[in-house]
Amino acid sequence: MGWLGALTKWRRARILRRAALDENLWRLAVERYSFAQSLLNAERARLKDCVNLFLHEKTIQGAGGLRIRDEIRVSIALQACILILNLDLDYYRGWVEIIVYPDEFVAAYEYVDEAGVAHVVHEPMSGESWLQGPVILSWADAEEAEHGTGYNVVIHEFAHKLDMLNGDANGFPPLHADMSRETWSQAFTAAYEDFCARVDRDENTLIDPYAAENPAEFFAVVSEAFFEIPAAVQASYPEVYRQLALFYRQDPALRLQRGVRPTHDSRPVRR
């Protein structure tokens, strides 16, 4: 470990010594999410440390009249940190702000069509991630998580953040040194093409059809399902599941075999 790594370790230890996360709020947050309930005690303790550090480094603020309660802060931080439980908080480097609306918010997009005409589109959104900018969330949609559908807007948007570590989101985040870019590409390309074909045939899929939008959305949606309904990903696309397990350095399906199993319910509609 170099001097910079040692300094970071010292600074984080100092923050954790002073951390005062409300124990009741933490317990309620853990009990809400099956992916947190199924953690071993050591993993849960590590997740709690990550949440404390995340809340120290990131600013969570309300918009549209939403007052940010501690319950909201802890819930968002826990879901964001489950992705980096076995990685590092540095994976969320380069930005600080999370903006939370009470419900869907409207985003404006500009594009130029084939005739060279510029258009501005206003679209309702449940979440959005900006390259080197904030994460924006709808709290109403965030509360739809953990209904056994695989839907989790917080995990979705923070998966985009990981994807953006090497530029615009494209479904190809920076891989670890022991991972193969070729194997990742083959697994995700084959799964994405198959999934799009299934959606085109109007097949019922446990994974949200929104994953067919583009490769970046496929990665984010499958990441949601990986943590929320891992058995569905493992059964549908085992090679993708294997790559996600290597990337996140976690095996949620194995964890859930130890106890909690989500049940399937109706799926929220994305916009």
C-alpha atoms as a PDB file:
ATOM      1  CA  MET A   1       0.000   0.000   0.000  1.00  0.00           C
ATOM      2  CA  GLY A   2       1.439   3.382  -1.021  1.00  0.00           C
ATOM      3  CA  TRP A   3       1.321   6.542   1.065  1.00  0.00           C
ATOM      4  CA  LEU A   4      -1.889   7.687  -0.629  1.00  0.00           C
ATOM      5  CA  GLY A   5      -3.613   4.384   0.137  1.00  0.00           C
ATOM      6  CA  ALA A   6      -2.415   4.550   3.732  1.00  0.00           C
ATOM      7  CA  LEU A   7      -3.724   8.108   4.061  1.00  0.00           C
ATOM      8  CA  THR A   8      -7.125   7.079   2.672  1.00  0.00           C
ATOM      9  CA  LYS A   9      -7.285   4.134   5.086  1.00  0.00           C
ATOM     10  CA  TRP A  10      -6.422   6.395   8.033  1.00  0.00           C
ATOM     11  CA  ARG A  11      -8.965   9.032   7.012  1.00  0.00           C
ATOM     12  CA  ARG A  12     -11.746   6.468   6.603  1.00  0.00           C
ATOM     13  CA  ALA A  13     -10.956   4.867   9.956  1.00  0.00           C
ATOM     14  CA  ARG A  14     -11.191   8.318  11.533  1.00  0.00           C
ATOM     15  CA  ILE A  15     -14.597   8.927   9.913  1.00  0.00           C
ATOM     16  CA  LEU A  16     -15.897   5.555  11.088  1.00  0.00           C
ATOM     17  CA  ARG A  17     -14.771   6.199  14.669  1.00  0.00           C
ATOM     18  CA  ARG A  18     -16.954   9.314  14.675  1.00  0.00           C
ATOM     19  CA  ALA A  19     -19.871   7.811  12.717  1.00  0.00           C
ATOM     20  CA  ALA A  20     -23.222   7.862  14.477  1.00  0.00           C
ATOM     21  CA  LEU A  21     -25.626   5.934  12.247  1.00  0.00           C
ATOM     22  CA  ASP A  22     -28.935   5.444  14.047  1.00  0.00           C
ATOM     23  CA  GLU A  23     -29.093   1.750  14.952  1.00  0.00           C
ATOM     24  CA  ASN A  24     -32.861   1.517  14.627  1.00  0.00           C
ATOM     25  CA  LEU A  25     -32.828   3.071  11.150  1.00  0.00           C
ATOM     26  CA  TRP A  26     -30.036   0.700  10.148  1.00  0.00           C
ATOM     27  CA  ARG A  27     -31.915  -2.347  11.421  1.00  0.00           C
ATOM     28  CA  LEU A  28     -35.105  -1.326   9.603  1.00  0.00           C
ATOM     29  CA  ALA A  29     -33.191  -0.740   6.361  1.00  0.00           C
ATOM     30  CA  VAL A  30     -31.482  -4.132   6.544  1.00  0.00           C
ATOM     31  CA  GLU A  31     -34.788  -5.874   7.298  1.00  0.00           C
ATOM     32  CA  ARG A  32     -36.396  -4.282   4.243  1.00  0.00           C
ATOM     33  CA  TYR A  33     -33.996  -5.678   1.630  1.00  0.00           C
ATOM     34  CA  SER A  34     -33.486  -9.406   1.163  1.00  0.00           C
ATOM     35  CA  PHE A  35     -30.028  -8.838  -0.321  1.00  0.00           C
ATOM     36  CA  ALA A  36     -29.023  -7.204   2.982  1.00  0.00           C
ATOM     37  CA  GLN A  37     -30.796  -9.758   5.176  1.00  0.00           C
ATOM     38  CA  SER A  38     -28.931 -12.613   3.500  1.00  0.00           C
ATOM     39  CA  LEU A  39     -25.478 -11.178   4.214  1.00  0.00           C
ATOM     40  CA  LEU A  40     -23.190 -12.845   6.715  1.00  0.00           C
ATOM     41  CA  ASN A  41     -22.495 -10.825   9.857  1.00  0.00           C
ATOM     42  CA  ALA A  42     -19.045  -9.761   8.641  1.00  0.00           C
ATOM     43  CA  GLU A  43     -20.475  -8.689   5.288  1.00  0.00           C
ATOM     44  CA  ARG A  44     -23.238  -6.710   6.969  1.00  0.00           C
ATOM     45  CA  ALA A  45     -20.713  -4.950   9.190  1.00  0.00           C
ATOM     46  CA  ARG A  46     -18.671  -4.069   6.107  1.00  0.00           C
ATOM     47  CA  LEU A  47     -21.804  -2.786   4.373  1.00  0.00           C
ATOM     48  CA  LYS A  48     -22.575  -0.593   7.391  1.00  0.00           C
ATOM     49  CA  ASP A  49     -19.081   0.899   7.259  1.00  0.00           C
ATOM     50  CA  CYS A  50     -19.537   1.571   3.543  1.00  0.00           C
ATOM     51  CA  VAL A  51     -22.871   3.296   4.222  1.00  0.00           C
ATOM     52  CA  ASN A  52     -21.299   5.525   6.870  1.00  0.00           C
ATOM     53  CA  LEU A  53     -18.482   6.515   4.505  1.00  0.00           C
ATOM     54  CA  PHE A  54     -20.918   7.026   1.617  1.00  0.00           C
ATOM     55  CA  LEU A  55     -23.097   9.348   3.708  1.00  0.00           C
ATOM     56  CA  HIS A  56     -20.011  11.276   4.761  1.00  0.00           C
ATOM     57  CA  GLU A  57     -18.822  11.806   1.179  1.00  0.00           C
ATOM     58  CA  LYS A  58     -22.096  12.240  -0.722  1.00  0.00           C
ATOM     59  CA  THR A  59     -24.754  14.917  -0.437  1.00  0.00           C
ATOM     60  CA  ILE A  60     -28.379  13.750  -0.627  1.00  0.00           C
ATOM     61  CA  GLN A  61     -30.812  16.596  -1.124  1.00  0.00           C
ATOM     62  CA  GLY A  62     -34.517  16.840  -1.838  1.00  0.00           C
ATOM     63  CA  ALA A  63     -36.202  18.533  -4.792  1.00  0.00           C
ATOM     64  CA  GLY A  64     -39.821  19.201  -5.716  1.00  0.00           C
ATOM     65  CA  GLY A  65     -40.753  19.753  -2.075  1.00  0.00           C
ATOM     66  CA  LEU A  66     -39.346  16.463  -0.742  1.00  0.00           C
ATOM     67  CA  ARG A  67     -37.795  16.697   2.716  1.00  0.00           C
ATOM     68  CA  ILE A  68     -34.896  14.279   3.028  1.00  0.00           C
ATOM     69  CA  ARG A  69     -35.426  12.246   6.170  1.00  0.00           C
ATOM     70  CA  ASP A  70     -32.704  10.071   7.689  1.00  0.00           C
ATOM     71  CA  GLU A  71     -34.727   7.028   6.603  1.00  0.00           C
ATOM     72  CA  ILE A  72     -34.337   8.095   2.958  1.00  0.00           C
ATOM     73  CA  ARG A  73     -30.617   8.771   3.327  1.00  0.00           C
ATOM     74  CA  VAL A  74     -29.894   5.383   4.898  1.00  0.00           C
ATOM     75  CA  SER A  75     -32.094   3.505   2.415  1.00  0.00           C
ATOM     76  CA  ILE A  76     -30.426   5.064  -0.638  1.00  0.00           C
ATOM     77  CA  ALA A  77     -26.937   4.623   0.804  1.00  0.00           C
ATOM     78  CA  LEU A  78     -27.524   0.950   1.651  1.00  0.00           C
ATOM     79  CA  GLN A  79     -28.766   0.155  -1.855  1.00  0.00           C
ATOM     80  CA  ALA A  80     -25.940   2.096  -3.488  1.00  0.00           C
ATOM     81  CA  CYS A  81     -23.328   0.403  -1.324  1.00  0.00           C
ATOM     82  CA  ILE A  82     -24.489  -3.157  -1.950  1.00  0.00           C
ATOM     83  CA  LEU A  83     -23.005  -2.841  -5.456  1.00  0.00           C
ATOM     84  CA  ILE A  84     -19.552  -1.964  -4.106  1.00  0.00           C
ATOM     85  CA  LEU A  85     -19.626  -4.145  -0.987  1.00  0.00           C
ATOM     86  CA  ASN A  86     -16.570  -6.085  -2.178  1.00  0.00           C
ATOM     87  CA  LEU A  87     -15.121  -3.289  -4.303  1.00  0.00           C
ATOM     88  CA  ASP A  88     -14.329   0.148  -2.885  1.00  0.00           C
ATOM     89  CA  LEU A  89     -16.033   3.487  -2.302  1.00  0.00           C
ATOM     90  CA  ASP A  90     -13.608   4.918  -4.862  1.00  0.00           C
ATOM     91  CA  TYR A  91     -15.826   3.316  -7.530  1.00  0.00           C
ATOM     92  CA  TYR A  92     -18.180   6.258  -6.871  1.00  0.00           C
ATOM     93  CA  ARG A  93     -15.459   8.865  -7.317  1.00  0.00           C
ATOM     94  CA  GLY A  94     -15.708  12.115  -9.244  1.00  0.00           C
ATOM     95  CA  TRP A  95     -19.144  13.319  -8.137  1.00  0.00           C
ATOM     96  CA  VAL A  96     -20.924  14.076  -4.853  1.00  0.00           C
ATOM     97  CA  GLU A  97     -24.627  14.857  -5.315  1.00  0.00           C
ATOM     98  CA  ILE A  98     -27.788  12.755  -5.183  1.00  0.00           C
ATOM     99  CA  ILE A  99     -31.041  14.601  -5.889  1.00  0.00           C
ATOM    100  CA  VAL A 100     -34.313  12.990  -4.826  1.00  0.00           C
ATOM    101  CA  TYR A 101     -37.775  13.997  -6.052  1.00  0.00           C
ATOM    102  CA  PRO A 102     -40.971  12.830  -4.334  1.00  0.00           C
ATOM    103  CA  ASP A 103     -42.184  11.229  -7.590  1.00  0.00           C
ATOM    104  CA  GLU A 104     -41.292  11.092 -11.268  1.00  0.00           C
ATOM    105  CA  PHE A 105     -39.461  14.146 -12.562  1.00  0.00           C
ATOM    106  CA  VAL A 106     -39.329  15.586 -16.073  1.00  0.00           C
ATOM    107  CA  ALA A 107     -36.059  15.594 -17.989  1.00  0.00           C
ATOM    108  CA  ALA A 108     -35.453  17.581 -21.182  1.00  0.00           C
ATOM    109  CA  TYR A 109     -33.432  16.102 -24.043  1.00  0.00           C
ATOM    110  CA  GLU A 110     -32.253  17.675 -27.270  1.00  0.00           C
ATOM    111  CA  TYR A 111     -31.584  15.725 -30.459  1.00  0.00           C
ATOM    112  CA  VAL A 112     -31.201  16.396 -34.183  1.00  0.00           C
ATOM    113  CA  ASP A 113     -33.213  14.226 -36.600  1.00  0.00           C
ATOM    114  CA  GLU A 114     -32.117  12.913 -40.009  1.00  0.00           C
ATOM    115  CA  ALA A 115     -33.340  16.102 -41.682  1.00  0.00           C
ATOM    116  CA  GLY A 116     -31.095  18.196 -39.429  1.00  0.00           C
ATOM    117  CA  VAL A 117     -33.983  19.583 -37.393  1.00  0.00           C
ATOM    118  CA  ALA A 118     -33.329  20.072 -33.659  1.00  0.00           C
ATOM    119  CA  HIS A 119     -35.960  18.804 -31.224  1.00  0.00           C
ATOM    120  CA  VAL A 120     -36.449  19.152 -27.474  1.00  0.00           C
ATOM    121  CA  VAL A 121     -38.225  16.267 -25.735  1.00  0.00           C
ATOM    122  CA  HIS A 122     -39.613  16.388 -22.189  1.00  0.00           C
ATOM    123  CA  GLU A 123     -39.890  12.936 -20.652  1.00  0.00           C
ATOM    124  CA  PRO A 124     -40.974  11.739 -17.181  1.00  0.00           C
ATOM    125  CA  MET A 125     -38.202   9.793 -15.453  1.00  0.00           C
ATOM    126  CA  SER A 126     -37.868   7.563 -12.395  1.00  0.00           C
ATOM    127  CA  GLY A 127     -34.100   7.960 -12.271  1.00  0.00           C
ATOM    128  CA  GLU A 128     -31.147   9.400 -14.124  1.00  0.00           C
ATOM    129  CA  SER A 129     -27.353   9.349 -13.844  1.00  0.00           C
ATOM    130  CA  TRP A 130     -25.141  12.046 -15.310  1.00  0.00           C
ATOM    131  CA  LEU A 131     -21.574  11.452 -16.421  1.00  0.00           C
ATOM    132  CA  GLN A 132     -19.408  13.102 -13.720  1.00  0.00           C
ATOM    133  CA  GLY A 133     -22.617  14.608 -12.331  1.00  0.00           C
ATOM    134  CA  PRO A 134     -25.431  13.787  -9.930  1.00  0.00           C
ATOM    135  CA  VAL A 135     -27.666  10.773  -9.553  1.00  0.00           C
ATOM    136  CA  ILE A 136     -31.325  11.809  -9.683  1.00  0.00           C
ATOM    137  CA  LEU A 137     -34.026   9.576  -8.183  1.00  0.00           C
ATOM    138  CA  SER A 138     -37.774   9.417  -7.687  1.00  0.00           C
ATOM    139  CA  TRP A 139     -38.424   8.376  -4.096  1.00  0.00           C
ATOM    140  CA  ALA A 140     -41.838   6.943  -5.011  1.00  0.00           C
ATOM    141  CA  ASP A 141     -40.126   4.638  -7.510  1.00  0.00           C
ATOM    142  CA  ALA A 142     -37.306   3.825  -5.088  1.00  0.00           C
ATOM    143  CA  GLU A 143     -39.920   2.580  -2.620  1.00  0.00           C
ATOM    144  CA  GLU A 144     -41.104   0.030  -5.221  1.00  0.00           C
ATOM    145  CA  ALA A 145     -37.957  -2.024  -4.639  1.00  0.00           C
ATOM    146  CA  GLU A 146     -38.036  -5.408  -2.922  1.00  0.00           C
ATOM    147  CA  HIS A 147     -41.381  -6.570  -4.328  1.00  0.00           C
ATOM    148  CA  GLY A 148     -39.817  -9.617  -5.942  1.00  0.00           C
ATOM    149  CA  THR A 149     -39.878  -8.123  -9.441  1.00  0.00           C
ATOM    150  CA  GLY A 150     -36.201  -7.273  -9.812  1.00  0.00           C
ATOM    151  CA  TYR A 151     -37.083  -3.584 -10.022  1.00  0.00           C
ATOM    152  CA  ASN A 152     -34.733  -1.305  -8.095  1.00  0.00           C
ATOM    153  CA  VAL A 153     -34.210   2.222  -9.404  1.00  0.00           C
ATOM    154  CA  VAL A 154     -31.392   2.978  -6.938  1.00  0.00           C
ATOM    155  CA  ILE A 155     -29.329  -0.056  -7.932  1.00  0.00           C
ATOM    156  CA  HIS A 156     -30.128   0.721 -11.578  1.00  0.00           C
ATOM    157  CA  GLU A 157     -28.789   4.269 -11.483  1.00  0.00           C
ATOM    158  CA  PHE A 158     -25.710   3.375  -9.455  1.00  0.00           C
ATOM    159  CA  ALA A 159     -24.955   0.546 -11.895  1.00  0.00           C
ATOM    160  CA  HIS A 160     -24.929   3.255 -14.585  1.00  0.00           C
ATOM    161  CA  LYS A 161     -22.409   5.154 -12.448  1.00  0.00           C
ATOM    162  CA  LEU A 162     -20.107   2.120 -12.452  1.00  0.00           C
ATOM    163  CA  ASP A 163     -20.610   1.779 -16.207  1.00  0.00           C
ATOM    164  CA  MET A 164     -19.590   5.442 -16.629  1.00  0.00           C
ATOM    165  CA  LEU A 165     -16.223   5.003 -14.941  1.00  0.00           C
ATOM    166  CA  ASN A 166     -14.633   4.647 -18.391  1.00  0.00           C
ATOM    167  CA  GLY A 167     -16.867   7.131 -20.262  1.00  0.00           C
ATOM    168  CA  ASP A 168     -20.474   7.190 -21.433  1.00  0.00           C
ATOM    169  CA  ALA A 169     -22.601   4.254 -20.275  1.00  0.00           C
ATOM    170  CA  ASN A 170     -22.434   1.435 -22.820  1.00  0.00           C
ATOM    171  CA  GLY A 171     -22.847  -1.743 -20.797  1.00  0.00           C
ATOM    172  CA  PHE A 172     -19.091  -2.292 -20.529  1.00  0.00           C
ATOM    173  CA  PRO A 173     -17.750  -1.037 -17.157  1.00  0.00           C
ATOM    174  CA  PRO A 174     -14.008  -1.209 -16.397  1.00  0.00           C
ATOM    175  CA  LEU A 175     -13.297  -4.851 -15.604  1.00  0.00           C
ATOM    176  CA  HIS A 176     -10.918  -6.234 -12.999  1.00  0.00           C
ATOM    177  CA  ALA A 177      -7.479  -7.396 -14.085  1.00  0.00           C
ATOM    178  CA  ASP A 178      -8.462 -11.054 -13.671  1.00  0.00           C
ATOM    179  CA  MET A 179     -11.482 -10.698 -15.991  1.00  0.00           C
ATOM    180  CA  SER A 180     -11.587 -11.145 -19.777  1.00  0.00           C
ATOM    181  CA  ARG A 181     -13.021  -8.374 -21.952  1.00  0.00           C
ATOM    182  CA  GLU A 182     -13.675 -10.934 -24.683  1.00  0.00           C
ATOM    183  CA  THR A 183     -15.631 -13.250 -22.359  1.00  0.00           C
ATOM    184  CA  TRP A 184     -17.662 -10.324 -20.996  1.00  0.00           C
ATOM    185  CA  SER A 185     -18.457  -9.079 -24.496  1.00  0.00           C
ATOM    186  CA  GLN A 186     -19.474 -12.527 -25.750  1.00  0.00           C
ATOM    187  CA  ALA A 187     -21.718 -13.213 -22.746  1.00  0.00           C
ATOM    188  CA  PHE A 188     -23.484  -9.842 -22.781  1.00  0.00           C
ATOM    189  CA  THR A 189     -23.813  -9.573 -26.555  1.00  0.00           C
ATOM    190  CA  ALA A 190     -25.399 -13.012 -26.865  1.00  0.00           C
ATOM    191  CA  ALA A 191     -27.728 -12.401 -23.901  1.00  0.00           C
ATOM    192  CA  TYR A 192     -28.759  -8.932 -25.103  1.00  0.00           C
ATOM    193  CA  GLU A 193     -29.578 -10.165 -28.608  1.00  0.00           C
ATOM    194  CA  ASP A 194     -31.562 -13.086 -27.217  1.00  0.00           C
ATOM    195  CA  PHE A 195     -33.409 -10.853 -24.762  1.00  0.00           C
ATOM    196  CA  CYS A 196     -34.328  -8.318 -27.456  1.00  0.00           C
ATOM    197  CA  ALA A 197     -35.693 -11.140 -29.619  1.00  0.00           C
ATOM    198  CA  ARG A 198     -37.789 -12.416 -26.707  1.00  0.00           C
ATOM    199  CA  VAL A 199     -39.172  -8.949 -26.047  1.00  0.00           C
ATOM    200  CA  ASP A 200     -39.982  -8.531 -29.759  1.00  0.00           C
ATOM    201  CA  ARG A 201     -41.960 -11.787 -29.553  1.00  0.00           C
ATOM    202  CA  ASP A 202     -43.867 -10.400 -26.539  1.00  0.00           C
ATOM    203  CA  GLU A 203     -42.606 -13.213 -24.339  1.00  0.00           C
ATOM    204  CA  ASN A 204     -43.046 -12.865 -20.588  1.00  0.00           C
ATOM    205  CA  THR A 205     -39.637 -12.333 -18.996  1.00  0.00           C
ATOM    206  CA  LEU A 206     -38.707 -12.187 -15.324  1.00  0.00           C
ATOM    207  CA  ILE A 207     -36.117  -9.571 -16.267  1.00  0.00           C
ATOM    208  CA  ASP A 208     -37.713  -6.198 -17.011  1.00  0.00           C
ATOM    209  CA  PRO A 209     -38.274  -5.646 -20.770  1.00  0.00           C
ATOM    210  CA  TYR A 210     -36.738  -2.183 -20.358  1.00  0.00           C
ATOM    211  CA  ALA A 211     -33.403  -4.014 -20.572  1.00  0.00           C
ATOM    212  CA  ALA A 212     -33.963  -4.242 -24.345  1.00  0.00           C
ATOM    213  CA  GLU A 213     -33.594  -0.449 -24.759  1.00  0.00           C
ATOM    214  CA  ASN A 214     -29.838  -0.596 -25.347  1.00  0.00           C
ATOM    215  CA  PRO A 215     -26.729  -2.371 -23.947  1.00  0.00           C
ATOM    216  CA  ALA A 216     -26.291   0.217 -21.173  1.00  0.00           C
ATOM    217  CA  GLU A 217     -29.849  -0.337 -19.928  1.00  0.00           C
ATOM    218  CA  PHE A 218     -29.382  -4.090 -20.248  1.00  0.00           C
ATOM    219  CA  PHE A 219     -26.393  -3.935 -17.907  1.00  0.00           C
ATOM    220  CA  ALA A 220     -28.236  -1.716 -15.403  1.00  0.00           C
ATOM    221  CA  VAL A 221     -31.466  -3.743 -15.429  1.00  0.00           C
ATOM    222  CA  VAL A 222     -29.647  -7.074 -15.184  1.00  0.00           C
ATOM    223  CA  SER A 223     -27.638  -5.621 -12.283  1.00  0.00           C
ATOM    224  CA  GLU A 224     -30.924  -4.841 -10.515  1.00  0.00           C
ATOM    225  CA  ALA A 225     -32.104  -8.398 -11.081  1.00  0.00           C
ATOM    226  CA  PHE A 226     -28.705  -9.789 -10.029  1.00  0.00           C
ATOM    227  CA  PHE A 227     -29.239  -8.417  -6.528  1.00  0.00           C
ATOM    228  CA  GLU A 228     -33.049  -8.570  -6.290  1.00  0.00           C
ATOM    229  CA  ILE A 229     -33.905 -11.842  -8.113  1.00  0.00           C
ATOM    230  CA  PRO A 230     -30.528 -13.475  -8.772  1.00  0.00           C
ATOM    231  CA  ALA A 231     -31.958 -16.922  -9.505  1.00  0.00           C
ATOM    232  CA  ALA A 232     -33.841 -15.458 -12.490  1.00  0.00           C
ATOM    233  CA  VAL A 233     -30.620 -14.094 -14.004  1.00  0.00           C
ATOM    234  CA  GLN A 234     -28.767 -17.315 -13.261  1.00  0.00           C
ATOM    235  CA  ALA A 235     -31.480 -19.393 -14.934  1.00  0.00           C
ATOM    236  CA  SER A 236     -31.987 -17.123 -17.957  1.00  0.00           C
ATOM    237  CA  TYR A 237     -28.412 -16.071 -18.689  1.00  0.00           C
ATOM    238  CA  PRO A 238     -25.908 -18.098 -16.643  1.00  0.00           C
ATOM    239  CA  GLU A 239     -22.869 -16.671 -18.459  1.00  0.00           C
ATOM    240  CA  VAL A 240     -24.012 -13.112 -17.715  1.00  0.00           C
ATOM    241  CA  TYR A 241     -24.617 -14.076 -14.098  1.00  0.00           C
ATOM    242  CA  ARG A 242     -21.075 -15.484 -13.924  1.00  0.00           C
ATOM    243  CA  GLN A 243     -19.605 -12.257 -15.314  1.00  0.00           C
ATOM    244  CA  LEU A 244     -21.608 -10.098 -12.908  1.00  0.00           C
ATOM    245  CA  ALA A 245     -20.500 -12.284  -9.997  1.00  0.00           C
ATOM    246  CA  LEU A 246     -16.890 -11.716 -11.060  1.00  0.00           C
ATOM    247  CA  PHE A 247     -17.404  -7.979 -11.537  1.00  0.00           C
ATOM    248  CA  TYR A 248     -19.303  -7.317  -8.293  1.00  0.00           C
ATOM    249  CA  ARG A 249     -17.311 -10.046  -6.492  1.00  0.00           C
ATOM    250  CA  GLN A 250     -20.546 -11.335  -5.003  1.00  0.00           C
ATOM    251  CA  ASP A 251     -22.862 -14.334  -5.445  1.00  0.00           C
ATOM    252  CA  PRO A 252     -26.377 -13.244  -4.376  1.00  0.00           C
ATOM    253  CA  ALA A 253     -28.006 -16.492  -5.547  1.00  0.00           C
ATOM    254  CA  LEU A 254     -25.772 -18.489  -3.221  1.00  0.00           C
ATOM    255  CA  ARG A 255     -26.553 -16.106  -0.370  1.00  0.00           C
ATOM    256  CA  LEU A 256     -30.300 -16.442  -0.861  1.00  0.00           C
ATOM    257  CA  GLN A 257     -29.997 -20.222  -0.738  1.00  0.00           C
ATOM    258  CA  ARG A 258     -29.107 -19.728   2.918  1.00  0.00           C
ATOM    259  CA  GLY A 259     -32.471 -18.229   3.750  1.00  0.00           C
ATOM    260  CA  VAL A 260     -34.547 -15.365   2.350  1.00  0.00           C
ATOM    261  CA  ARG A 261     -36.144 -15.881  -1.057  1.00  0.00           C
ATOM    262  CA  PRO A 262     -38.081 -13.061  -2.759  1.00  0.00           C
ATOM    263  CA  THR A 263     -41.543 -13.738  -4.142  1.00  0.00           C
ATOM    264  CA  HIS A 264     -42.692 -12.455  -7.513  1.00  0.00           C
ATOM    265  CA  ASP A 265     -45.217  -9.650  -7.768  1.00  0.00           C
ATOM    266  CA  SER A 266     -46.442  -7.237 -10.442  1.00  0.00           C
ATOM    267  CA  ARG A 267     -43.694  -5.167 -12.070  1.00  0.00           C
ATOM    268  CA  PRO A 268     -43.666  -1.346 -11.923  1.00  0.00           C
ATOM    269  CA  VAL A 269     -43.701   0.490 -15.246  1.00  0.00           C
ATOM    270  CA  ARG A 270     -40.535   2.410 -16.144  1.00  0.00           C
ATOM    271  CA  ARG A 271     -40.462   5.729 -17.884  1.00  0.00           C
END
